[in-house]
Amino acid sequence: MGGRYDTRSALQASGGPCPIDTIVTEETDVTVNLPVLKDHSGAGVTLSLKNIAFGCYDHHGDAHSGNCDPFIGEACAHFAQVAKVPLIVLDATLACFDGGPAPRDASTLWRENAIYLATDPVALDVVCRQVIMDKRRAVDRPDKTRQCHHIETAAAKGLGVGDRARIDVQTVRV
């Protein structure tokens, strides 16, 4: 992002005010969210919700406390009020299942060879969190689902569907 922050439209987060990037508030009509499929040491996963919260806000140190919860949900709820995100394109061509978001060990990367498209950030994060947890289980790493509580917080704030049984996933093979 541009690094210029709009203090007039700042998020009033649990740890203090967090200005939003002026690109979002002054220079665009819509935002296309472009996250990557990866593990995160604090939040459990870095997907569409965390991408908005940490990519568009000048966040404070407390944003990472509590596995980034409730900050991610607060930031995404604020973002939904000030910006439109009609599309999320998640890059899962090369994914990270451990040591993310910037793994030092290349053996924690794998070729998922997929692109996920969505309009619901919570639903996408529920589905992609499971992809990462399935990969972790396959290589005998512990499950981190409970660490990813920010996804449930975002669902509780009405930001999308958090119930996997209500999420329609369609696969297109090319």
N, C-alpha and C. Protein backbone atom coordinates (compact mmCIF):
# COMPACT_ATOMS: atom_id res chain seq x y z
N MET A 1 0.83 -1.18 0.00
CA MET A 1 0.00 0.00 0.00
C MET A 1 0.88 1.25 0.00
N GLY A 2 0.24 2.38 -0.14
CA GLY A 2 0.95 3.62 -0.34
C GLY A 2 1.67 4.20 0.85
N GLY A 3 1.25 3.90 2.07
CA GLY A 3 1.93 4.43 3.23
C GLY A 3 1.43 5.79 3.68
N ARG A 4 0.40 6.35 3.03
CA ARG A 4 -0.23 7.58 3.51
C ARG A 4 -1.51 7.14 4.20
N TYR A 5 -1.74 7.62 5.39
CA TYR A 5 -2.87 7.13 6.17
C TYR A 5 -3.88 8.21 6.47
N ASP A 6 -5.15 7.84 6.38
CA ASP A 6 -6.28 8.72 6.61
C ASP A 6 -6.70 8.62 8.07
N THR A 7 -6.33 9.60 8.86
CA THR A 7 -6.66 9.56 10.29
C THR A 7 -8.13 9.93 10.52
N ARG A 8 -8.77 10.60 9.57
CA ARG A 8 -10.19 10.94 9.71
C ARG A 8 -11.06 9.69 9.65
N SER A 9 -10.65 8.68 8.90
CA SER A 9 -11.41 7.44 8.75
C SER A 9 -10.76 6.30 9.52
N ALA A 10 -10.05 6.62 10.58
CA ALA A 10 -9.31 5.60 11.34
C ALA A 10 -10.25 4.62 12.03
N LEU A 11 -9.80 3.40 12.10
CA LEU A 11 -10.47 2.36 12.87
C LEU A 11 -10.19 2.62 14.34
N GLN A 12 -11.21 2.59 15.16
CA GLN A 12 -11.03 2.69 16.61
C GLN A 12 -10.97 1.26 17.14
N ALA A 13 -9.79 0.67 17.13
CA ALA A 13 -9.59 -0.74 17.50
C ALA A 13 -9.41 -0.88 19.00
N SER A 14 -9.44 -2.12 19.45
CA SER A 14 -9.35 -2.41 20.88
C SER A 14 -8.03 -1.93 21.49
N GLY A 15 -6.98 -1.78 20.73
CA GLY A 15 -5.70 -1.32 21.27
C GLY A 15 -5.41 0.13 20.97
N GLY A 16 -6.33 0.84 20.34
CA GLY A 16 -6.12 2.24 19.99
C GLY A 16 -6.47 2.49 18.54
N PRO A 17 -6.38 3.74 18.08
CA PRO A 17 -6.76 4.07 16.71
C PRO A 17 -5.76 3.51 15.69
N CYS A 18 -6.30 3.09 14.55
CA CYS A 18 -5.48 2.56 13.45
C CYS A 18 -5.94 3.24 12.16
N PRO A 19 -5.16 4.18 11.63
CA PRO A 19 -5.54 4.84 10.38
C PRO A 19 -5.55 3.86 9.21
N ILE A 20 -6.43 4.14 8.27
CA ILE A 20 -6.54 3.32 7.06
C ILE A 20 -5.76 3.99 5.93
N ASP A 21 -5.22 3.18 5.03
CA ASP A 21 -4.44 3.71 3.91
C ASP A 21 -5.31 4.60 3.03
N THR A 22 -4.80 5.75 2.61
CA THR A 22 -5.57 6.69 1.80
C THR A 22 -5.90 6.14 0.41
N ILE A 23 -5.16 5.16 -0.05
CA ILE A 23 -5.52 4.56 -1.35
C ILE A 23 -6.94 4.03 -1.27
N VAL A 24 -7.30 3.41 -0.16
CA VAL A 24 -8.63 2.84 0.02
C VAL A 24 -9.68 3.93 0.11
N THR A 25 -9.42 4.97 0.87
CA THR A 25 -10.44 5.99 1.13
C THR A 25 -10.51 7.10 0.09
N GLU A 26 -9.43 7.34 -0.64
CA GLU A 26 -9.42 8.48 -1.54
C GLU A 26 -9.13 8.17 -3.00
N GLU A 27 -8.52 7.04 -3.30
CA GLU A 27 -8.04 6.83 -4.66
C GLU A 27 -8.68 5.67 -5.42
N THR A 28 -9.56 4.91 -4.78
CA THR A 28 -10.17 3.77 -5.46
C THR A 28 -11.67 3.73 -5.24
N ASP A 29 -12.36 3.07 -6.16
CA ASP A 29 -13.80 2.85 -6.00
C ASP A 29 -14.06 1.48 -5.37
N VAL A 30 -13.20 0.51 -5.67
CA VAL A 30 -13.32 -0.84 -5.10
C VAL A 30 -11.94 -1.39 -4.82
N THR A 31 -11.89 -2.40 -3.96
CA THR A 31 -10.65 -3.08 -3.65
C THR A 31 -10.80 -4.55 -4.04
N VAL A 32 -9.85 -5.08 -4.75
CA VAL A 32 -9.80 -6.52 -5.01
C VAL A 32 -8.76 -7.07 -4.04
N ASN A 33 -9.19 -7.98 -3.19
CA ASN A 33 -8.32 -8.57 -2.17
C ASN A 33 -7.51 -9.70 -2.82
N LEU A 34 -6.19 -9.65 -2.70
CA LEU A 34 -5.31 -10.63 -3.34
C LEU A 34 -4.42 -11.33 -2.31
N PRO A 35 -4.98 -12.17 -1.45
CA PRO A 35 -4.17 -12.87 -0.45
C PRO A 35 -3.47 -14.09 -1.03
N VAL A 36 -2.61 -14.69 -0.20
CA VAL A 36 -1.87 -15.91 -0.55
C VAL A 36 -2.19 -16.96 0.51
N LEU A 37 -2.21 -18.22 0.14
CA LEU A 37 -2.50 -19.32 1.06
C LEU A 37 -1.26 -19.59 1.91
N LYS A 38 -1.33 -19.19 3.21
CA LYS A 38 -0.16 -19.41 4.05
C LYS A 38 -0.51 -19.48 5.53
N ASP A 39 0.34 -20.19 6.21
CA ASP A 39 0.33 -20.33 7.65
C ASP A 39 0.80 -19.02 8.28
N HIS A 40 0.44 -18.81 9.56
CA HIS A 40 0.94 -17.65 10.28
C HIS A 40 1.21 -18.05 11.72
N SER A 41 2.38 -17.70 12.21
CA SER A 41 2.78 -18.11 13.56
C SER A 41 1.85 -17.56 14.63
N GLY A 42 1.29 -16.38 14.43
CA GLY A 42 0.41 -15.79 15.43
C GLY A 42 -1.06 -16.09 15.18
N ALA A 43 -1.55 -15.70 14.02
CA ALA A 43 -2.98 -15.82 13.70
C ALA A 43 -3.38 -17.22 13.25
N GLY A 44 -2.43 -18.11 13.06
CA GLY A 44 -2.73 -19.45 12.58
C GLY A 44 -2.68 -19.53 11.07
N VAL A 45 -3.38 -18.60 10.41
CA VAL A 45 -3.37 -18.52 8.95
C VAL A 45 -3.38 -17.05 8.54
N THR A 46 -2.85 -16.78 7.37
CA THR A 46 -2.94 -15.46 6.74
C THR A 46 -3.69 -15.66 5.45
N LEU A 47 -4.95 -15.22 5.44
CA LEU A 47 -5.80 -15.40 4.27
C LEU A 47 -6.48 -14.07 3.96
N SER A 48 -7.71 -14.08 3.52
CA SER A 48 -8.33 -12.84 3.07
C SER A 48 -8.60 -11.84 4.19
N LEU A 49 -9.05 -12.29 5.35
CA LEU A 49 -9.34 -11.36 6.45
C LEU A 49 -8.07 -10.68 6.96
N LYS A 50 -7.05 -11.45 7.23
CA LYS A 50 -5.80 -10.88 7.75
C LYS A 50 -5.14 -10.00 6.69
N ASN A 51 -5.30 -10.34 5.43
CA ASN A 51 -4.72 -9.54 4.35
C ASN A 51 -5.27 -8.11 4.37
N ILE A 52 -6.57 -7.96 4.58
CA ILE A 52 -7.17 -6.62 4.68
C ILE A 52 -6.72 -5.92 5.95
N ALA A 53 -6.83 -6.62 7.09
CA ALA A 53 -6.54 -6.00 8.39
C ALA A 53 -5.11 -5.50 8.50
N PHE A 54 -4.17 -6.27 8.01
CA PHE A 54 -2.77 -5.87 8.17
C PHE A 54 -2.20 -5.22 6.91
N GLY A 55 -2.91 -5.29 5.81
CA GLY A 55 -2.43 -4.66 4.59
C GLY A 55 -2.95 -3.26 4.36
N CYS A 56 -4.08 -2.92 4.99
CA CYS A 56 -4.70 -1.63 4.72
C CYS A 56 -4.69 -0.67 5.91
N TYR A 57 -4.22 -1.14 7.06
CA TYR A 57 -4.22 -0.30 8.26
C TYR A 57 -2.81 -0.13 8.82
N ASP A 58 -2.56 1.05 9.34
CA ASP A 58 -1.34 1.31 10.10
C ASP A 58 -1.66 0.84 11.51
N HIS A 59 -1.36 -0.40 11.80
CA HIS A 59 -1.79 -1.03 13.04
C HIS A 59 -0.80 -0.81 14.18
N HIS A 60 -1.31 -0.94 15.37
CA HIS A 60 -0.52 -0.78 16.59
C HIS A 60 0.00 -2.14 17.06
N GLY A 61 0.88 -2.14 18.02
CA GLY A 61 1.48 -3.37 18.52
C GLY A 61 0.48 -4.37 19.07
N ASP A 62 -0.60 -3.89 19.68
CA ASP A 62 -1.61 -4.79 20.24
C ASP A 62 -2.38 -5.55 19.17
N ALA A 63 -2.26 -5.15 17.92
CA ALA A 63 -2.99 -5.82 16.85
C ALA A 63 -2.61 -7.30 16.76
N HIS A 64 -1.39 -7.64 17.14
CA HIS A 64 -0.95 -9.04 17.08
C HIS A 64 -1.26 -9.84 18.34
N SER A 65 -1.68 -9.16 19.42
CA SER A 65 -1.98 -9.90 20.64
C SER A 65 -3.23 -10.75 20.45
N GLY A 66 -3.38 -11.78 21.27
CA GLY A 66 -4.54 -12.66 21.18
C GLY A 66 -4.64 -13.37 19.84
N ASN A 67 -3.52 -13.71 19.24
CA ASN A 67 -3.49 -14.32 17.90
C ASN A 67 -4.20 -13.43 16.86
N CYS A 68 -4.01 -12.13 17.03
CA CYS A 68 -4.56 -11.11 16.13
C CYS A 68 -6.08 -10.98 16.25
N ASP A 69 -6.64 -11.49 17.34
CA ASP A 69 -8.07 -11.45 17.57
C ASP A 69 -8.33 -10.67 18.85
N PRO A 70 -9.10 -9.60 18.82
CA PRO A 70 -10.16 -9.28 17.86
C PRO A 70 -9.77 -8.30 16.76
N PHE A 71 -8.49 -7.91 16.68
CA PHE A 71 -8.10 -6.87 15.73
C PHE A 71 -8.55 -7.18 14.30
N ILE A 72 -8.33 -8.39 13.81
CA ILE A 72 -8.68 -8.68 12.41
C ILE A 72 -10.17 -8.46 12.17
N GLY A 73 -11.01 -8.96 13.06
CA GLY A 73 -12.45 -8.77 12.91
C GLY A 73 -12.85 -7.31 12.98
N GLU A 74 -12.24 -6.57 13.89
CA GLU A 74 -12.53 -5.13 14.02
C GLU A 74 -12.13 -4.39 12.74
N ALA A 75 -10.94 -4.69 12.24
CA ALA A 75 -10.46 -4.01 11.03
C ALA A 75 -11.32 -4.35 9.82
N CYS A 76 -11.69 -5.60 9.68
CA CYS A 76 -12.50 -5.99 8.52
C CYS A 76 -13.92 -5.43 8.61
N ALA A 77 -14.47 -5.34 9.81
CA ALA A 77 -15.80 -4.72 9.97
C ALA A 77 -15.73 -3.24 9.60
N HIS A 78 -14.67 -2.56 10.03
CA HIS A 78 -14.47 -1.15 9.67
C HIS A 78 -14.28 -1.02 8.16
N PHE A 79 -13.47 -1.88 7.59
CA PHE A 79 -13.19 -1.83 6.16
C PHE A 79 -14.47 -1.98 5.35
N ALA A 80 -15.37 -2.87 5.78
CA ALA A 80 -16.63 -3.09 5.07
C ALA A 80 -17.50 -1.83 5.06
N GLN A 81 -17.29 -0.94 6.01
CA GLN A 81 -18.06 0.30 6.07
C GLN A 81 -17.49 1.38 5.17
N VAL A 82 -16.19 1.32 4.87
CA VAL A 82 -15.56 2.41 4.11
C VAL A 82 -15.12 2.01 2.70
N ALA A 83 -15.18 0.71 2.37
CA ALA A 83 -14.70 0.27 1.06
C ALA A 83 -15.52 -0.90 0.55
N LYS A 84 -15.52 -1.08 -0.75
CA LYS A 84 -16.18 -2.22 -1.37
C LYS A 84 -15.11 -3.22 -1.79
N VAL A 85 -15.37 -4.50 -1.49
CA VAL A 85 -14.46 -5.57 -1.92
C VAL A 85 -15.32 -6.60 -2.66
N PRO A 86 -15.54 -6.39 -3.95
CA PRO A 86 -16.44 -7.29 -4.68
C PRO A 86 -15.82 -8.64 -5.03
N LEU A 87 -14.50 -8.76 -4.90
CA LEU A 87 -13.85 -10.00 -5.32
C LEU A 87 -12.59 -10.26 -4.51
N ILE A 88 -12.42 -11.53 -4.17
CA ILE A 88 -11.19 -11.99 -3.52
C ILE A 88 -10.59 -13.04 -4.44
N VAL A 89 -9.32 -12.89 -4.77
CA VAL A 89 -8.59 -13.85 -5.59
C VAL A 89 -7.42 -14.34 -4.75
N LEU A 90 -7.55 -15.54 -4.20
CA LEU A 90 -6.52 -16.08 -3.33
C LEU A 90 -5.58 -16.97 -4.13
N ASP A 91 -4.30 -16.64 -4.07
CA ASP A 91 -3.26 -17.38 -4.78
C ASP A 91 -2.82 -18.57 -3.93
N ALA A 92 -3.14 -19.76 -4.40
CA ALA A 92 -2.72 -20.98 -3.72
C ALA A 92 -1.87 -21.82 -4.67
N THR A 93 -1.18 -21.16 -5.58
CA THR A 93 -0.31 -21.92 -6.48
C THR A 93 0.85 -22.51 -5.70
N LEU A 94 1.50 -21.68 -4.89
CA LEU A 94 2.56 -22.12 -3.99
C LEU A 94 2.12 -21.69 -2.60
N ALA A 95 1.94 -22.63 -1.70
CA ALA A 95 1.38 -22.34 -0.38
C ALA A 95 2.37 -22.70 0.72
N CYS A 96 2.10 -22.18 1.92
CA CYS A 96 2.95 -22.40 3.09
C CYS A 96 2.11 -23.04 4.19
N PHE A 97 2.56 -24.17 4.74
CA PHE A 97 1.81 -24.84 5.80
C PHE A 97 2.44 -24.69 7.18
N ASP A 98 3.65 -24.14 7.27
CA ASP A 98 4.29 -23.98 8.57
C ASP A 98 5.37 -22.91 8.47
N GLY A 99 5.57 -22.16 9.57
CA GLY A 99 6.63 -21.16 9.60
C GLY A 99 6.29 -19.86 8.91
N GLY A 100 5.03 -19.68 8.54
CA GLY A 100 4.62 -18.47 7.84
C GLY A 100 4.45 -17.30 8.79
N PRO A 101 4.36 -16.14 8.23
CA PRO A 101 4.05 -15.88 6.84
C PRO A 101 5.26 -15.86 5.90
N ALA A 102 6.47 -15.83 6.44
CA ALA A 102 7.68 -15.82 5.60
C ALA A 102 8.57 -16.98 6.04
N PRO A 103 8.29 -18.19 5.57
CA PRO A 103 9.05 -19.35 6.04
C PRO A 103 10.51 -19.31 5.61
N ARG A 104 11.36 -19.73 6.52
CA ARG A 104 12.79 -19.82 6.21
C ARG A 104 13.16 -21.17 5.62
N ASP A 105 12.28 -22.14 5.81
CA ASP A 105 12.53 -23.51 5.38
C ASP A 105 11.65 -23.83 4.16
N ALA A 106 12.27 -24.01 3.02
CA ALA A 106 11.52 -24.28 1.79
C ALA A 106 10.70 -25.57 1.85
N SER A 107 11.03 -26.46 2.78
CA SER A 107 10.27 -27.71 2.88
C SER A 107 8.86 -27.48 3.46
N THR A 108 8.58 -26.26 3.95
CA THR A 108 7.25 -25.96 4.45
C THR A 108 6.35 -25.35 3.38
N LEU A 109 6.84 -25.33 2.15
CA LEU A 109 6.06 -24.87 1.01
C LEU A 109 5.59 -26.06 0.20
N TRP A 110 4.43 -25.93 -0.42
CA TRP A 110 3.96 -26.98 -1.32
C TRP A 110 3.18 -26.37 -2.46
N ARG A 111 3.13 -27.10 -3.55
CA ARG A 111 2.39 -26.65 -4.72
C ARG A 111 0.95 -27.13 -4.60
N GLU A 112 0.08 -26.23 -4.19
CA GLU A 112 -1.36 -26.52 -4.14
C GLU A 112 -1.95 -26.37 -5.55
N ASN A 113 -1.30 -25.53 -6.37
CA ASN A 113 -1.71 -25.31 -7.76
C ASN A 113 -3.18 -24.97 -7.89
N ALA A 114 -3.62 -23.99 -7.12
CA ALA A 114 -5.03 -23.59 -7.15
C ALA A 114 -5.14 -22.07 -7.03
N ILE A 115 -6.25 -21.58 -7.50
CA ILE A 115 -6.66 -20.19 -7.31
C ILE A 115 -8.06 -20.27 -6.74
N TYR A 116 -8.32 -19.55 -5.65
CA TYR A 116 -9.64 -19.51 -5.04
C TYR A 116 -10.26 -18.15 -5.31
N LEU A 117 -11.50 -18.15 -5.79
CA LEU A 117 -12.24 -16.92 -6.04
C LEU A 117 -13.41 -16.88 -5.07
N ALA A 118 -13.68 -15.72 -4.50
CA ALA A 118 -14.78 -15.61 -3.55
C ALA A 118 -15.25 -14.17 -3.44
N THR A 119 -16.44 -14.03 -2.91
CA THR A 119 -16.96 -12.72 -2.55
C THR A 119 -17.14 -12.62 -1.04
N ASP A 120 -17.05 -13.74 -0.34
CA ASP A 120 -17.23 -13.81 1.11
C ASP A 120 -15.89 -14.14 1.76
N PRO A 121 -15.28 -13.17 2.48
CA PRO A 121 -13.96 -13.41 3.06
C PRO A 121 -13.97 -14.45 4.18
N VAL A 122 -15.04 -14.51 4.95
CA VAL A 122 -15.11 -15.49 6.04
C VAL A 122 -15.20 -16.89 5.47
N ALA A 123 -16.10 -17.09 4.51
CA ALA A 123 -16.26 -18.41 3.89
C ALA A 123 -14.94 -18.87 3.25
N LEU A 124 -14.29 -17.96 2.54
CA LEU A 124 -13.02 -18.32 1.91
C LEU A 124 -11.99 -18.72 2.97
N ASP A 125 -11.92 -17.97 4.06
CA ASP A 125 -10.94 -18.29 5.10
C ASP A 125 -11.27 -19.60 5.79
N VAL A 126 -12.55 -19.92 5.97
CA VAL A 126 -12.94 -21.21 6.56
C VAL A 126 -12.45 -22.35 5.66
N VAL A 127 -12.71 -22.24 4.37
CA VAL A 127 -12.31 -23.28 3.41
C VAL A 127 -10.79 -23.40 3.33
N CYS A 128 -10.10 -22.29 3.19
CA CYS A 128 -8.64 -22.32 3.01
C CYS A 128 -7.90 -22.67 4.30
N ARG A 129 -8.46 -22.30 5.44
CA ARG A 129 -7.86 -22.74 6.71
C ARG A 129 -7.84 -24.26 6.75
N GLN A 130 -8.93 -24.89 6.29
CA GLN A 130 -8.98 -26.36 6.30
C GLN A 130 -7.96 -26.95 5.34
N VAL A 131 -7.72 -26.30 4.21
CA VAL A 131 -6.70 -26.79 3.27
C VAL A 131 -5.34 -26.81 3.97
N ILE A 132 -5.02 -25.74 4.69
CA ILE A 132 -3.73 -25.68 5.40
C ILE A 132 -3.69 -26.71 6.51
N MET A 133 -4.76 -26.84 7.28
CA MET A 133 -4.77 -27.81 8.38
C MET A 133 -4.68 -29.25 7.86
N ASP A 134 -5.32 -29.54 6.73
CA ASP A 134 -5.20 -30.87 6.12
C ASP A 134 -3.76 -31.16 5.72
N LYS A 135 -3.09 -30.16 5.16
CA LYS A 135 -1.68 -30.33 4.78
C LYS A 135 -0.82 -30.52 6.02
N ARG A 136 -1.07 -29.74 7.07
CA ARG A 136 -0.31 -29.88 8.32
C ARG A 136 -0.49 -31.30 8.89
N ARG A 137 -1.71 -31.79 8.88
CA ARG A 137 -1.99 -33.14 9.39
C ARG A 137 -1.24 -34.19 8.56
N ALA A 138 -1.20 -33.99 7.25
CA ALA A 138 -0.54 -34.96 6.36
C ALA A 138 0.96 -35.06 6.62
N VAL A 139 1.55 -34.02 7.17
CA VAL A 139 2.99 -34.03 7.46
C VAL A 139 3.26 -34.03 8.97
N ASP A 140 2.29 -34.48 9.74
CA ASP A 140 2.41 -34.64 11.20
C ASP A 140 2.72 -33.34 11.94
N ARG A 141 2.14 -32.24 11.51
CA ARG A 141 2.21 -30.98 12.26
C ARG A 141 0.91 -30.83 13.03
N PRO A 142 0.94 -30.17 14.19
CA PRO A 142 -0.29 -30.00 14.97
C PRO A 142 -1.31 -29.09 14.28
N ASP A 143 -2.57 -29.35 14.55
CA ASP A 143 -3.66 -28.53 14.03
C ASP A 143 -3.64 -27.17 14.74
N LYS A 144 -3.86 -26.11 13.99
CA LYS A 144 -3.85 -24.75 14.55
C LYS A 144 -5.21 -24.07 14.42
N THR A 145 -6.26 -24.85 14.19
CA THR A 145 -7.58 -24.26 13.96
C THR A 145 -7.99 -23.34 15.11
N ARG A 146 -7.78 -23.77 16.35
CA ARG A 146 -8.19 -22.94 17.50
C ARG A 146 -7.42 -21.63 17.55
N GLN A 147 -6.24 -21.60 16.98
CA GLN A 147 -5.43 -20.38 16.95
C GLN A 147 -6.02 -19.35 15.98
N CYS A 148 -6.87 -19.79 15.08
CA CYS A 148 -7.44 -18.94 14.03
C CYS A 148 -8.80 -18.38 14.42
N HIS A 149 -8.98 -18.03 15.67
CA HIS A 149 -10.29 -17.60 16.16
C HIS A 149 -10.78 -16.31 15.50
N HIS A 150 -9.87 -15.55 14.88
CA HIS A 150 -10.30 -14.32 14.21
C HIS A 150 -11.34 -14.59 13.12
N ILE A 151 -11.33 -15.79 12.55
CA ILE A 151 -12.30 -16.14 11.52
C ILE A 151 -13.70 -16.22 12.14
N GLU A 152 -13.81 -16.87 13.29
CA GLU A 152 -15.09 -16.95 13.98
C GLU A 152 -15.55 -15.57 14.47
N THR A 153 -14.60 -14.74 14.90
CA THR A 153 -14.94 -13.38 15.33
C THR A 153 -15.53 -12.60 14.16
N ALA A 154 -14.92 -12.72 12.99
CA ALA A 154 -15.43 -12.02 11.79
C ALA A 154 -16.82 -12.54 11.42
N ALA A 155 -17.04 -13.84 11.53
CA ALA A 155 -18.37 -14.41 11.24
C ALA A 155 -19.39 -13.85 12.22
N ALA A 156 -19.03 -13.78 13.50
CA ALA A 156 -19.94 -13.25 14.52
C ALA A 156 -20.27 -11.78 14.29
N LYS A 157 -19.38 -11.06 13.62
CA LYS A 157 -19.62 -9.65 13.30
C LYS A 157 -20.46 -9.50 12.02
N GLY A 158 -20.87 -10.63 11.43
CA GLY A 158 -21.70 -10.59 10.24
C GLY A 158 -20.95 -10.34 8.95
N LEU A 159 -19.64 -10.62 8.95
CA LEU A 159 -18.82 -10.34 7.76
C LEU A 159 -18.84 -11.46 6.74
N GLY A 160 -19.52 -12.57 7.05
CA GLY A 160 -19.60 -13.68 6.11
C GLY A 160 -20.05 -14.94 6.80
N VAL A 161 -20.07 -16.01 6.03
CA VAL A 161 -20.55 -17.31 6.51
C VAL A 161 -19.40 -18.09 7.13
N GLY A 162 -19.54 -18.45 8.40
CA GLY A 162 -18.51 -19.20 9.10
C GLY A 162 -18.80 -20.68 9.24
N ASP A 163 -19.99 -21.12 8.87
CA ASP A 163 -20.40 -22.52 8.99
C ASP A 163 -20.04 -23.27 7.71
N ARG A 164 -19.08 -24.16 7.80
CA ARG A 164 -18.59 -24.89 6.61
C ARG A 164 -19.72 -25.60 5.87
N ALA A 165 -20.73 -26.08 6.60
CA ALA A 165 -21.85 -26.79 5.98
C ALA A 165 -22.69 -25.87 5.09
N ARG A 166 -22.60 -24.57 5.30
CA ARG A 166 -23.38 -23.61 4.51
C ARG A 166 -22.56 -22.96 3.39
N ILE A 167 -21.35 -23.40 3.20
CA ILE A 167 -20.47 -22.80 2.19
C ILE A 167 -20.46 -23.68 0.94
N ASP A 168 -20.78 -23.07 -0.18
CA ASP A 168 -20.81 -23.79 -1.46
C ASP A 168 -19.46 -23.61 -2.16
N VAL A 169 -18.71 -24.71 -2.23
CA VAL A 169 -17.42 -24.68 -2.93
C VAL A 169 -17.58 -25.38 -4.26
N GLN A 170 -17.22 -24.71 -5.32
CA GLN A 170 -17.27 -25.29 -6.66
C GLN A 170 -15.86 -25.35 -7.20
N THR A 171 -15.48 -26.52 -7.68
CA THR A 171 -14.15 -26.72 -8.23
C THR A 171 -14.21 -26.77 -9.74
N VAL A 172 -13.33 -26.01 -10.36
CA VAL A 172 -13.24 -26.02 -11.82
C VAL A 172 -11.83 -26.50 -12.15
N ARG A 173 -11.71 -27.61 -12.84
CA ARG A 173 -10.41 -28.13 -13.25
C ARG A 173 -10.11 -27.67 -14.67
N VAL A 174 -8.88 -27.22 -14.87
CA VAL A 174 -8.50 -26.78 -16.21
C VAL A 174 -7.28 -27.55 -16.68
